[in-house]
Amino acid sequence: MSKTVFGDSPYEVLGLEIGASDADVRAAYQRAMRSLRRDRDLRDRISRAYNALRRPAGRHEADLLTPLPLRLPPDEGGAPLLAEARQRMAEVAPLLPDPASLGVRLG
């Protein structure tokens, strides 16, 4: 399971792919909660993941923070994945600190 800055990816906690529909999120949440009766910590993680994905702002944040897959399936090209990575970097870049303010010299 990949980690984000804030912990496990909500998509992976629920066993979903990025871009899953609201109905898929709800069904995965209900399926996971039915299978766990006594593990309170895991139930809390599943509830946090569901709450993050059911709100548009939480889903957008989870999309940005969920790492892209390391390997492409054999039948897909890399162009869509590369375009998605570039789009994510463009959205996250304004949130990152300036390297000069961290004392990092470039070049």
PDB file of N, CA and C in Angstrom:
ATOM      1  N   MET A   1       0.849  -1.170   0.000  1.00  0.00           N
ATOM      2  CA  MET A   1       0.000   0.000   0.000  1.00  0.00           C
ATOM      3  C   MET A   1       0.891   1.229   0.000  1.00  0.00           C
ATOM      4  N   SER A   2       0.605   2.127  -0.870  1.00  0.00           N
ATOM      5  CA  SER A   2       1.429   3.320  -0.944  1.00  0.00           C
ATOM      6  C   SER A   2       0.975   4.337   0.095  1.00  0.00           C
ATOM      7  N   LYS A   3       1.920   5.111   0.554  1.00  0.00           N
ATOM      8  CA  LYS A   3       1.639   6.129   1.556  1.00  0.00           C
ATOM      9  C   LYS A   3       1.577   7.488   0.890  1.00  0.00           C
ATOM     10  N   THR A   4       0.707   8.319   1.375  1.00  0.00           N
ATOM     11  CA  THR A   4       0.685   9.701   0.953  1.00  0.00           C
ATOM     12  C   THR A   4       1.304  10.508   2.080  1.00  0.00           C
ATOM     13  N   VAL A   5       1.317  11.800   1.933  1.00  0.00           N
ATOM     14  CA  VAL A   5       1.857  12.663   2.966  1.00  0.00           C
ATOM     15  C   VAL A   5       1.088  12.474   4.268  1.00  0.00           C
ATOM     16  N   PHE A   6      -0.201  12.187   4.172  1.00  0.00           N
ATOM     17  CA  PHE A   6      -1.055  12.081   5.348  1.00  0.00           C
ATOM     18  C   PHE A   6      -1.353  10.647   5.748  1.00  0.00           C
ATOM     19  N   GLY A   7      -0.695   9.672   5.178  1.00  0.00           N
ATOM     20  CA  GLY A   7      -0.939   8.280   5.527  1.00  0.00           C
ATOM     21  C   GLY A   7      -1.290   7.467   4.298  1.00  0.00           C
ATOM     22  N   ASP A   8      -2.046   6.396   4.508  1.00  0.00           N
ATOM     23  CA  ASP A   8      -2.438   5.527   3.408  1.00  0.00           C
ATOM     24  C   ASP A   8      -3.361   6.260   2.446  1.00  0.00           C
ATOM     25  N   SER A   9      -3.250   5.916   1.191  1.00  0.00           N
ATOM     26  CA  SER A   9      -4.121   6.498   0.176  1.00  0.00           C
ATOM     27  C   SER A   9      -5.558   6.037   0.417  1.00  0.00           C
ATOM     28  N   PRO A  10      -6.518   6.966   0.443  1.00  0.00           N
ATOM     29  CA  PRO A  10      -7.919   6.558   0.634  1.00  0.00           C
ATOM     30  C   PRO A  10      -8.394   5.567  -0.426  1.00  0.00           C
ATOM     31  N   TYR A  11      -7.900   5.713  -1.642  1.00  0.00           N
ATOM     32  CA  TYR A  11      -8.292   4.788  -2.699  1.00  0.00           C
ATOM     33  C   TYR A  11      -7.826   3.368  -2.382  1.00  0.00           C
ATOM     34  N   GLU A  12      -6.611   3.241  -1.881  1.00  0.00           N
ATOM     35  CA  GLU A  12      -6.090   1.911  -1.606  1.00  0.00           C
ATOM     36  C   GLU A  12      -6.706   1.306  -0.351  1.00  0.00           C
ATOM     37  N   VAL A  13      -7.063   2.135   0.621  1.00  0.00           N
ATOM     38  CA  VAL A  13      -7.739   1.626   1.813  1.00  0.00           C
ATOM     39  C   VAL A  13      -9.052   0.960   1.413  1.00  0.00           C
ATOM     40  N   LEU A  14      -9.759   1.579   0.471  1.00  0.00           N
ATOM     41  CA  LEU A  14     -11.040   1.031   0.018  1.00  0.00           C
ATOM     42  C   LEU A  14     -10.886   0.072  -1.162  1.00  0.00           C
ATOM     43  N   GLY A  15      -9.686  -0.086  -1.682  1.00  0.00           N
ATOM     44  CA  GLY A  15      -9.451  -1.002  -2.802  1.00  0.00           C
ATOM     45  C   GLY A  15     -10.009  -0.493  -4.110  1.00  0.00           C
ATOM     46  N   LEU A  16      -9.882   0.818  -4.356  1.00  0.00           N
ATOM     47  CA  LEU A  16     -10.433   1.437  -5.561  1.00  0.00           C
ATOM     48  C   LEU A  16      -9.334   2.040  -6.425  1.00  0.00           C
ATOM     49  N   GLU A  17      -9.683   2.295  -7.671  1.00  0.00           N
ATOM     50  CA  GLU A  17      -8.817   3.007  -8.601  1.00  0.00           C
ATOM     51  C   GLU A  17      -9.142   4.494  -8.539  1.00  0.00           C
ATOM     52  N   ILE A  18      -8.179   5.325  -8.885  1.00  0.00           N
ATOM     53  CA  ILE A  18      -8.440   6.759  -8.960  1.00  0.00           C
ATOM     54  C   ILE A  18      -9.520   6.997 -10.006  1.00  0.00           C
ATOM     55  N   GLY A  19     -10.472   7.853  -9.682  1.00  0.00           N
ATOM     56  CA  GLY A  19     -11.565   8.154 -10.595  1.00  0.00           C
ATOM     57  C   GLY A  19     -12.775   7.258 -10.414  1.00  0.00           C
ATOM     58  N   ALA A  20     -12.820   6.489  -9.326  1.00  0.00           N
ATOM     59  CA  ALA A  20     -13.981   5.637  -9.073  1.00  0.00           C
ATOM     60  C   ALA A  20     -15.220   6.501  -8.855  1.00  0.00           C
ATOM     61  N   SER A  21     -16.359   5.998  -9.278  1.00  0.00           N
ATOM     62  CA  SER A  21     -17.610   6.760  -9.139  1.00  0.00           C
ATOM     63  C   SER A  21     -18.052   6.796  -7.677  1.00  0.00           C
ATOM     64  N   ASP A  22     -18.992   7.688  -7.378  1.00  0.00           N
ATOM     65  CA  ASP A  22     -19.531   7.779  -6.019  1.00  0.00           C
ATOM     66  C   ASP A  22     -20.189   6.467  -5.604  1.00  0.00           C
ATOM     67  N   ALA A  23     -20.872   5.825  -6.541  1.00  0.00           N
ATOM     68  CA  ALA A  23     -21.514   4.542  -6.237  1.00  0.00           C
ATOM     69  C   ALA A  23     -20.471   3.474  -5.916  1.00  0.00           C
ATOM     70  N   ASP A  24     -19.343   3.478  -6.641  1.00  0.00           N
ATOM     71  CA  ASP A  24     -18.268   2.522  -6.361  1.00  0.00           C
ATOM     72  C   ASP A  24     -17.657   2.769  -4.986  1.00  0.00           C
ATOM     73  N   VAL A  25     -17.482   4.041  -4.632  1.00  0.00           N
ATOM     74  CA  VAL A  25     -16.921   4.392  -3.325  1.00  0.00           C
ATOM     75  C   VAL A  25     -17.856   3.901  -2.222  1.00  0.00           C
ATOM     76  N   ARG A  26     -19.137   4.168  -2.375  1.00  0.00           N
ATOM     77  CA  ARG A  26     -20.119   3.756  -1.373  1.00  0.00           C
ATOM     78  C   ARG A  26     -20.167   2.231  -1.246  1.00  0.00           C
ATOM     79  N   ALA A  27     -20.164   1.530  -2.379  1.00  0.00           N
ATOM     80  CA  ALA A  27     -20.217   0.064  -2.357  1.00  0.00           C
ATOM     81  C   ALA A  27     -18.960  -0.525  -1.709  1.00  0.00           C
ATOM     82  N   ALA A  28     -17.791   0.044  -2.017  1.00  0.00           N
ATOM     83  CA  ALA A  28     -16.544  -0.450  -1.418  1.00  0.00           C
ATOM     84  C   ALA A  28     -16.534  -0.214   0.088  1.00  0.00           C
ATOM     85  N   TYR A  29     -17.044   0.937   0.509  1.00  0.00           N
ATOM     86  CA  TYR A  29     -17.122   1.242   1.943  1.00  0.00           C
ATOM     87  C   TYR A  29     -18.040   0.246   2.645  1.00  0.00           C
ATOM     88  N   GLN A  30     -19.211   0.014   2.099  1.00  0.00           N
ATOM     89  CA  GLN A  30     -20.152  -0.909   2.732  1.00  0.00           C
ATOM     90  C   GLN A  30     -19.603  -2.329   2.763  1.00  0.00           C
ATOM     91  N   ARG A  31     -18.955  -2.745   1.692  1.00  0.00           N
ATOM     92  CA  ARG A  31     -18.372  -4.088   1.627  1.00  0.00           C
ATOM     93  C   ARG A  31     -17.267  -4.247   2.670  1.00  0.00           C
ATOM     94  N   ALA A  32     -16.418  -3.214   2.789  1.00  0.00           N
ATOM     95  CA  ALA A  32     -15.316  -3.280   3.757  1.00  0.00           C
ATOM     96  C   ALA A  32     -15.826  -3.281   5.192  1.00  0.00           C
ATOM     97  N   MET A  33     -16.842  -2.469   5.477  1.00  0.00           N
ATOM     98  CA  MET A  33     -17.373  -2.400   6.840  1.00  0.00           C
ATOM     99  C   MET A  33     -18.092  -3.691   7.233  1.00  0.00           C
ATOM    100  N   ARG A  34     -18.734  -4.348   6.275  1.00  0.00           N
ATOM    101  CA  ARG A  34     -19.390  -5.630   6.581  1.00  0.00           C
ATOM    102  C   ARG A  34     -18.370  -6.699   6.918  1.00  0.00           C
ATOM    103  N   SER A  35     -17.206  -6.655   6.258  1.00  0.00           N
ATOM    104  CA  SER A  35     -16.215  -7.702   6.463  1.00  0.00           C
ATOM    105  C   SER A  35     -15.429  -7.517   7.765  1.00  0.00           C
ATOM    106  N   LEU A  36     -15.466  -6.331   8.343  1.00  0.00           N
ATOM    107  CA  LEU A  36     -14.725  -6.054   9.581  1.00  0.00           C
ATOM    108  C   LEU A  36     -15.707  -5.809  10.712  1.00  0.00           C
ATOM    109  N   ARG A  37     -15.745  -6.700  11.631  1.00  0.00           N
ATOM    110  CA  ARG A  37     -16.683  -6.544  12.735  1.00  0.00           C
ATOM    111  C   ARG A  37     -15.999  -5.974  13.984  1.00  0.00           C
ATOM    112  N   ARG A  38     -14.767  -6.418  14.263  1.00  0.00           N
ATOM    113  CA  ARG A  38     -14.178  -6.079  15.556  1.00  0.00           C
ATOM    114  C   ARG A  38     -12.905  -5.251  15.498  1.00  0.00           C
ATOM    115  N   ASP A  39     -12.308  -5.093  14.350  1.00  0.00           N
ATOM    116  CA  ASP A  39     -11.046  -4.349  14.252  1.00  0.00           C
ATOM    117  C   ASP A  39     -11.346  -2.850  14.194  1.00  0.00           C
ATOM    118  N   ARG A  40     -11.325  -2.207  15.337  1.00  0.00           N
ATOM    119  CA  ARG A  40     -11.725  -0.801  15.445  1.00  0.00           C
ATOM    120  C   ARG A  40     -10.771   0.126  14.677  1.00  0.00           C
ATOM    121  N   ASP A  41      -9.461  -0.140  14.739  1.00  0.00           N
ATOM    122  CA  ASP A  41      -8.494   0.710  14.043  1.00  0.00           C
ATOM    123  C   ASP A  41      -8.715   0.675  12.529  1.00  0.00           C
ATOM    124  N   LEU A  42      -8.920  -0.513  11.994  1.00  0.00           N
ATOM    125  CA  LEU A  42      -9.139  -0.631  10.554  1.00  0.00           C
ATOM    126  C   LEU A  42     -10.480  -0.004  10.158  1.00  0.00           C
ATOM    127  N   ARG A  43     -11.492  -0.163  10.993  1.00  0.00           N
ATOM    128  CA  ARG A  43     -12.787   0.477  10.713  1.00  0.00           C
ATOM    129  C   ARG A  43     -12.633   1.999  10.689  1.00  0.00           C
ATOM    130  N   ASP A  44     -11.815   2.542  11.594  1.00  0.00           N
ATOM    131  CA  ASP A  44     -11.577   3.988  11.604  1.00  0.00           C
ATOM    132  C   ASP A  44     -10.873   4.440  10.328  1.00  0.00           C
ATOM    133  N   ARG A  45      -9.873   3.673   9.870  1.00  0.00           N
ATOM    134  CA  ARG A  45      -9.159   4.012   8.631  1.00  0.00           C
ATOM    135  C   ARG A  45     -10.104   3.989   7.442  1.00  0.00           C
ATOM    136  N   ILE A  46     -10.985   2.986   7.407  1.00  0.00           N
ATOM    137  CA  ILE A  46     -11.939   2.870   6.301  1.00  0.00           C
ATOM    138  C   ILE A  46     -12.918   4.034   6.345  1.00  0.00           C
ATOM    139  N   SER A  47     -13.378   4.413   7.522  1.00  0.00           N
ATOM    140  CA  SER A  47     -14.301   5.552   7.647  1.00  0.00           C
ATOM    141  C   SER A  47     -13.643   6.850   7.216  1.00  0.00           C
ATOM    142  N   ARG A  48     -12.371   7.057   7.607  1.00  0.00           N
ATOM    143  CA  ARG A  48     -11.661   8.269   7.188  1.00  0.00           C
ATOM    144  C   ARG A  48     -11.498   8.302   5.671  1.00  0.00           C
ATOM    145  N   ALA A  49     -11.175   7.153   5.067  1.00  0.00           N
ATOM    146  CA  ALA A  49     -11.013   7.089   3.613  1.00  0.00           C
ATOM    147  C   ALA A  49     -12.335   7.397   2.913  1.00  0.00           C
ATOM    148  N   TYR A  50     -13.430   6.828   3.419  1.00  0.00           N
ATOM    149  CA  TYR A  50     -14.743   7.078   2.819  1.00  0.00           C
ATOM    150  C   TYR A  50     -15.125   8.552   2.943  1.00  0.00           C
ATOM    151  N   ASN A  51     -14.896   9.133   4.117  1.00  0.00           N
ATOM    152  CA  ASN A  51     -15.231  10.541   4.317  1.00  0.00           C
ATOM    153  C   ASN A  51     -14.403  11.453   3.418  1.00  0.00           C
ATOM    154  N   ALA A  52     -13.154  11.064   3.166  1.00  0.00           N
ATOM    155  CA  ALA A  52     -12.301  11.867   2.279  1.00  0.00           C
ATOM    156  C   ALA A  52     -12.795  11.794   0.830  1.00  0.00           C
ATOM    157  N   LEU A  53     -13.237  10.622   0.398  1.00  0.00           N
ATOM    158  CA  LEU A  53     -13.610  10.437  -1.007  1.00  0.00           C
ATOM    159  C   LEU A  53     -15.039  10.861  -1.320  1.00  0.00           C
ATOM    160  N   ARG A  54     -15.882  11.031  -0.321  1.00  0.00           N
ATOM    161  CA  ARG A  54     -17.257  11.405  -0.637  1.00  0.00           C
ATOM    162  C   ARG A  54     -17.440  12.911  -0.802  1.00  0.00           C
ATOM    163  N   ARG A  55     -16.456  13.700  -0.356  1.00  0.00           N
ATOM    164  CA  ARG A  55     -16.504  15.154  -0.545  1.00  0.00           C
ATOM    165  C   ARG A  55     -15.673  15.514  -1.776  1.00  0.00           C
ATOM    166  N   PRO A  56     -16.128  16.431  -2.612  1.00  0.00           N
ATOM    167  CA  PRO A  56     -15.342  16.806  -3.798  1.00  0.00           C
ATOM    168  C   PRO A  56     -13.947  17.332  -3.455  1.00  0.00           C
ATOM    169  N   ALA A  57     -13.825  18.152  -2.419  1.00  0.00           N
ATOM    170  CA  ALA A  57     -12.509  18.687  -2.049  1.00  0.00           C
ATOM    171  C   ALA A  57     -11.599  17.577  -1.530  1.00  0.00           C
ATOM    172  N   GLY A  58     -12.145  16.659  -0.752  1.00  0.00           N
ATOM    173  CA  GLY A  58     -11.358  15.537  -0.241  1.00  0.00           C
ATOM    174  C   GLY A  58     -10.925  14.602  -1.350  1.00  0.00           C
ATOM    175  N   ARG A  59     -11.816  14.387  -2.320  1.00  0.00           N
ATOM    176  CA  ARG A  59     -11.478  13.520  -3.455  1.00  0.00           C
ATOM    177  C   ARG A  59     -10.364  14.157  -4.291  1.00  0.00           C
ATOM    178  N   HIS A  60     -10.443  15.474  -4.504  1.00  0.00           N
ATOM    179  CA  HIS A  60      -9.409  16.158  -5.274  1.00  0.00           C
ATOM    180  C   HIS A  60      -8.051  16.045  -4.563  1.00  0.00           C
ATOM    181  N   GLU A  61      -8.053  16.236  -3.250  1.00  0.00           N
ATOM    182  CA  GLU A  61      -6.814  16.109  -2.478  1.00  0.00           C
ATOM    183  C   GLU A  61      -6.268  14.688  -2.552  1.00  0.00           C
ATOM    184  N   ALA A  62      -7.143  13.694  -2.430  1.00  0.00           N
ATOM    185  CA  ALA A  62      -6.700  12.300  -2.523  1.00  0.00           C
ATOM    186  C   ALA A  62      -6.148  11.996  -3.910  1.00  0.00           C
ATOM    187  N   ASP A  63      -6.769  12.554  -4.956  1.00  0.00           N
ATOM    188  CA  ASP A  63      -6.260  12.357  -6.316  1.00  0.00           C
ATOM    189  C   ASP A  63      -4.849  12.916  -6.452  1.00  0.00           C
ATOM    190  N   LEU A  64      -4.621  14.085  -5.868  1.00  0.00           N
ATOM    191  CA  LEU A  64      -3.304  14.710  -5.971  1.00  0.00           C
ATOM    192  C   LEU A  64      -2.249  13.970  -5.172  1.00  0.00           C
ATOM    193  N   LEU A  65      -2.630  13.424  -4.026  1.00  0.00           N
ATOM    194  CA  LEU A  65      -1.655  12.819  -3.129  1.00  0.00           C
ATOM    195  C   LEU A  65      -1.456  11.331  -3.357  1.00  0.00           C
ATOM    196  N   THR A  66      -2.322  10.686  -4.112  1.00  0.00           N
ATOM    197  CA  THR A  66      -2.169   9.259  -4.391  1.00  0.00           C
ATOM    198  C   THR A  66      -1.115   9.075  -5.469  1.00  0.00           C
ATOM    199  N   PRO A  67      -0.085   8.288  -5.181  1.00  0.00           N
ATOM    200  CA  PRO A  67       0.963   8.094  -6.185  1.00  0.00           C
ATOM    201  C   PRO A  67       0.442   7.371  -7.424  1.00  0.00           C
ATOM    202  N   LEU A  68       1.017   7.703  -8.546  1.00  0.00           N
ATOM    203  CA  LEU A  68       0.690   7.014  -9.784  1.00  0.00           C
ATOM    204  C   LEU A  68       1.300   5.618  -9.752  1.00  0.00           C
ATOM    205  N   PRO A  69       0.741   4.662 -10.489  1.00  0.00           N
ATOM    206  CA  PRO A  69       1.319   3.308 -10.497  1.00  0.00           C
ATOM    207  C   PRO A  69       2.731   3.334 -11.067  1.00  0.00           C
ATOM    208  N   LEU A  70       3.581   2.469 -10.517  1.00  0.00           N
ATOM    209  CA  LEU A  70       4.974   2.420 -10.967  1.00  0.00           C
ATOM    210  C   LEU A  70       5.106   1.777 -12.334  1.00  0.00           C
ATOM    211  N   ARG A  71       4.238   0.837 -12.630  1.00  0.00           N
ATOM    212  CA  ARG A  71       4.303   0.135 -13.914  1.00  0.00           C
ATOM    213  C   ARG A  71       2.974   0.261 -14.638  1.00  0.00           C
ATOM    214  N   LEU A  72       3.067   0.376 -15.931  1.00  0.00           N
ATOM    215  CA  LEU A  72       1.862   0.416 -16.753  1.00  0.00           C
ATOM    216  C   LEU A  72       1.410  -1.001 -17.069  1.00  0.00           C
ATOM    217  N   PRO A  73       0.117  -1.217 -17.162  1.00  0.00           N
ATOM    218  CA  PRO A  73      -0.337  -2.511 -17.661  1.00  0.00           C
ATOM    219  C   PRO A  73       0.217  -2.716 -19.077  1.00  0.00           C
ATOM    220  N   PRO A  74       0.474  -3.955 -19.481  1.00  0.00           N
ATOM    221  CA  PRO A  74       1.140  -4.194 -20.765  1.00  0.00           C
ATOM    222  C   PRO A  74       0.380  -3.697 -21.988  1.00  0.00           C
ATOM    223  N   ASP A  75      -0.942  -3.558 -21.910  1.00  0.00           N
ATOM    224  CA  ASP A  75      -1.693  -3.170 -23.099  1.00  0.00           C
ATOM    225  C   ASP A  75      -1.935  -1.666 -23.197  1.00  0.00           C
ATOM    226  N   GLU A  76      -1.464  -0.877 -22.238  1.00  0.00           N
ATOM    227  CA  GLU A  76      -1.698   0.570 -22.279  1.00  0.00           C
ATOM    228  C   GLU A  76      -0.416   1.305 -22.653  1.00  0.00           C
ATOM    229  N   GLY A  77      -0.578   2.412 -23.328  1.00  0.00           N
ATOM    230  CA  GLY A  77       0.555   3.260 -23.626  1.00  0.00           C
ATOM    231  C   GLY A  77       0.845   4.180 -22.454  1.00  0.00           C
ATOM    232  N   GLY A  78       1.980   4.847 -22.484  1.00  0.00           N
ATOM    233  CA  GLY A  78       2.361   5.715 -21.387  1.00  0.00           C
ATOM    234  C   GLY A  78       1.875   7.146 -21.526  1.00  0.00           C
ATOM    235  N   ALA A  79       1.318   7.513 -22.664  1.00  0.00           N
ATOM    236  CA  ALA A  79       0.914   8.902 -22.887  1.00  0.00           C
ATOM    237  C   ALA A  79      -0.161   9.376 -21.906  1.00  0.00           C
ATOM    238  N   PRO A  80      -1.238   8.614 -21.651  1.00  0.00           N
ATOM    239  CA  PRO A  80      -2.241   9.099 -20.696  1.00  0.00           C
ATOM    240  C   PRO A  80      -1.676   9.243 -19.284  1.00  0.00           C
ATOM    241  N   LEU A  81      -0.833   8.310 -18.879  1.00  0.00           N
ATOM    242  CA  LEU A  81      -0.243   8.371 -17.541  1.00  0.00           C
ATOM    243  C   LEU A  81       0.711   9.553 -17.419  1.00  0.00           C
ATOM    244  N   LEU A  82       1.483   9.813 -18.457  1.00  0.00           N
ATOM    245  CA  LEU A  82       2.389  10.949 -18.457  1.00  0.00           C
ATOM    246  C   LEU A  82       1.610  12.265 -18.425  1.00  0.00           C
ATOM    247  N   ALA A  83       0.522  12.347 -19.161  1.00  0.00           N
ATOM    248  CA  ALA A  83      -0.308  13.559 -19.148  1.00  0.00           C
ATOM    249  C   ALA A  83      -0.921  13.777 -17.766  1.00  0.00           C
ATOM    250  N   GLU A  84      -1.360  12.693 -17.125  1.00  0.00           N
ATOM    251  CA  GLU A  84      -1.926  12.813 -15.779  1.00  0.00           C
ATOM    252  C   GLU A  84      -0.861  13.260 -14.779  1.00  0.00           C
ATOM    253  N   ALA A  85       0.353  12.725 -14.902  1.00  0.00           N
ATOM    254  CA  ALA A  85       1.439  13.118 -14.008  1.00  0.00           C
ATOM    255  C   ALA A  85       1.784  14.593 -14.180  1.00  0.00           C
ATOM    256  N   ARG A  86       1.832  15.058 -15.412  1.00  0.00           N
ATOM    257  CA  ARG A  86       2.121  16.478 -15.662  1.00  0.00           C
ATOM    258  C   ARG A  86       1.025  17.374 -15.097  1.00  0.00           C
ATOM    259  N   GLN A  87      -0.221  16.951 -15.239  1.00  0.00           N
ATOM    260  CA  GLN A  87      -1.332  17.738 -14.707  1.00  0.00           C
ATOM    261  C   GLN A  87      -1.250  17.806 -13.184  1.00  0.00           C
ATOM    262  N   ARG A  88      -0.954  16.686 -12.541  1.00  0.00           N
ATOM    263  CA  ARG A  88      -0.833  16.677 -11.080  1.00  0.00           C
ATOM    264  C   ARG A  88       0.310  17.569 -10.610  1.00  0.00           C
ATOM    265  N   MET A  89       1.434  17.511 -11.294  1.00  0.00           N
ATOM    266  CA  MET A  89       2.574  18.342 -10.899  1.00  0.00           C
ATOM    267  C   MET A  89       2.237  19.820 -11.059  1.00  0.00           C
ATOM    268  N   ALA A  90       1.494  20.172 -12.107  1.00  0.00           N
ATOM    269  CA  ALA A  90       1.108  21.567 -12.296  1.00  0.00           C
ATOM    270  C   ALA A  90       0.181  22.036 -11.180  1.00  0.00           C
ATOM    271  N   GLU A  91      -0.665  21.141 -10.666  1.00  0.00           N
ATOM    272  CA  GLU A  91      -1.579  21.510  -9.584  1.00  0.00           C
ATOM    273  C   GLU A  91      -0.870  21.579  -8.235  1.00  0.00           C
ATOM    274  N   VAL A  92       0.133  20.738  -8.032  1.00  0.00           N
ATOM    275  CA  VAL A  92       0.821  20.673  -6.742  1.00  0.00           C
ATOM    276  C   VAL A  92       1.957  21.692  -6.655  1.00  0.00           C
ATOM    277  N   ALA A  93       2.570  22.044  -7.779  1.00  0.00           N
ATOM    278  CA  ALA A  93       3.743  22.926  -7.769  1.00  0.00           C
ATOM    279  C   ALA A  93       3.521  24.239  -7.027  1.00  0.00           C
ATOM    280  N   PRO A  94       2.388  24.915  -7.162  1.00  0.00           N
ATOM    281  CA  PRO A  94       2.221  26.167  -6.412  1.00  0.00           C
ATOM    282  C   PRO A  94       2.185  25.959  -4.898  1.00  0.00           C
ATOM    283  N   LEU A  95       1.907  24.748  -4.453  1.00  0.00           N
ATOM    284  CA  LEU A  95       1.830  24.474  -3.020  1.00  0.00           C
ATOM    285  C   LEU A  95       3.192  24.193  -2.397  1.00  0.00           C
ATOM    286  N   LEU A  96       4.179  23.883  -3.235  1.00  0.00           N
ATOM    287  CA  LEU A  96       5.507  23.537  -2.738  1.00  0.00           C
ATOM    288  C   LEU A  96       6.302  24.791  -2.394  1.00  0.00           C
ATOM    289  N   PRO A  97       7.167  24.704  -1.374  1.00  0.00           N
ATOM    290  CA  PRO A  97       7.965  25.881  -1.019  1.00  0.00           C
ATOM    291  C   PRO A  97       9.028  26.164  -2.078  1.00  0.00           C
ATOM    292  N   ASP A  98       9.476  27.397  -2.124  1.00  0.00           N
ATOM    293  CA  ASP A  98      10.541  27.794  -3.029  1.00  0.00           C
ATOM    294  C   ASP A  98      11.843  27.158  -2.549  1.00  0.00           C
ATOM    295  N   PRO A  99      12.605  26.467  -3.423  1.00  0.00           N
ATOM    296  CA  PRO A  99      13.854  25.830  -2.985  1.00  0.00           C
ATOM    297  C   PRO A  99      14.835  26.812  -2.357  1.00  0.00           C
ATOM    298  N   ALA A 100      14.849  28.054  -2.817  1.00  0.00           N
ATOM    299  CA  ALA A 100      15.773  29.042  -2.255  1.00  0.00           C
ATOM    300  C   ALA A 100      15.458  29.334  -0.802  1.00  0.00           C
ATOM    301  N   SER A 101      14.164  29.273  -0.427  1.00  0.00           N
ATOM    302  CA  SER A 101      13.809  29.532   0.970  1.00  0.00           C
ATOM    303  C   SER A 101      14.231  28.382   1.882  1.00  0.00           C
ATOM    304  N   LEU A 102      14.527  27.234   1.303  1.00  0.00           N
ATOM    305  CA  LEU A 102      14.995  26.089   2.094  1.00  0.00           C
ATOM    306  C   LEU A 102      16.523  26.009   2.139  1.00  0.00           C
ATOM    307  N   GLY A 103      17.188  26.951   1.486  1.00  0.00           N
ATOM    308  CA  GLY A 103      18.639  26.934   1.465  1.00  0.00           C
ATOM    309  C   GLY A 103      19.239  26.012   0.429  1.00  0.00           C
ATOM    310  N   VAL A 104      18.455  25.634  -0.565  1.00  0.00           N
ATOM    311  CA  VAL A 104      18.909  24.739  -1.607  1.00  0.00           C
ATOM    312  C   VAL A 104      19.382  25.576  -2.795  1.00  0.00           C
ATOM    313  N   ARG A 105      20.594  25.289  -3.264  1.00  0.00           N
ATOM    314  CA  ARG A 105      21.105  25.990  -4.447  1.00  0.00           C
ATOM    315  C   ARG A 105      20.941  25.091  -5.659  1.00  0.00           C
ATOM    316  N   LEU A 106      20.348  25.620  -6.678  1.00  0.00           N
ATOM    317  CA  LEU A 106      20.138  24.864  -7.907  1.00  0.00           C
ATOM    318  C   LEU A 106      21.246  25.198  -8.900  1.00  0.00           C
ATOM    319  N   GLY A 107      21.736  24.172  -9.567  1.00  0.00           N
ATOM    320  CA  GLY A 107      22.701  24.367 -10.634  1.00  0.00           C
ATOM    321  C   GLY A 107      24.035  24.620 -10.190  1.00  0.00           C
TER     322      GLY A 107
END
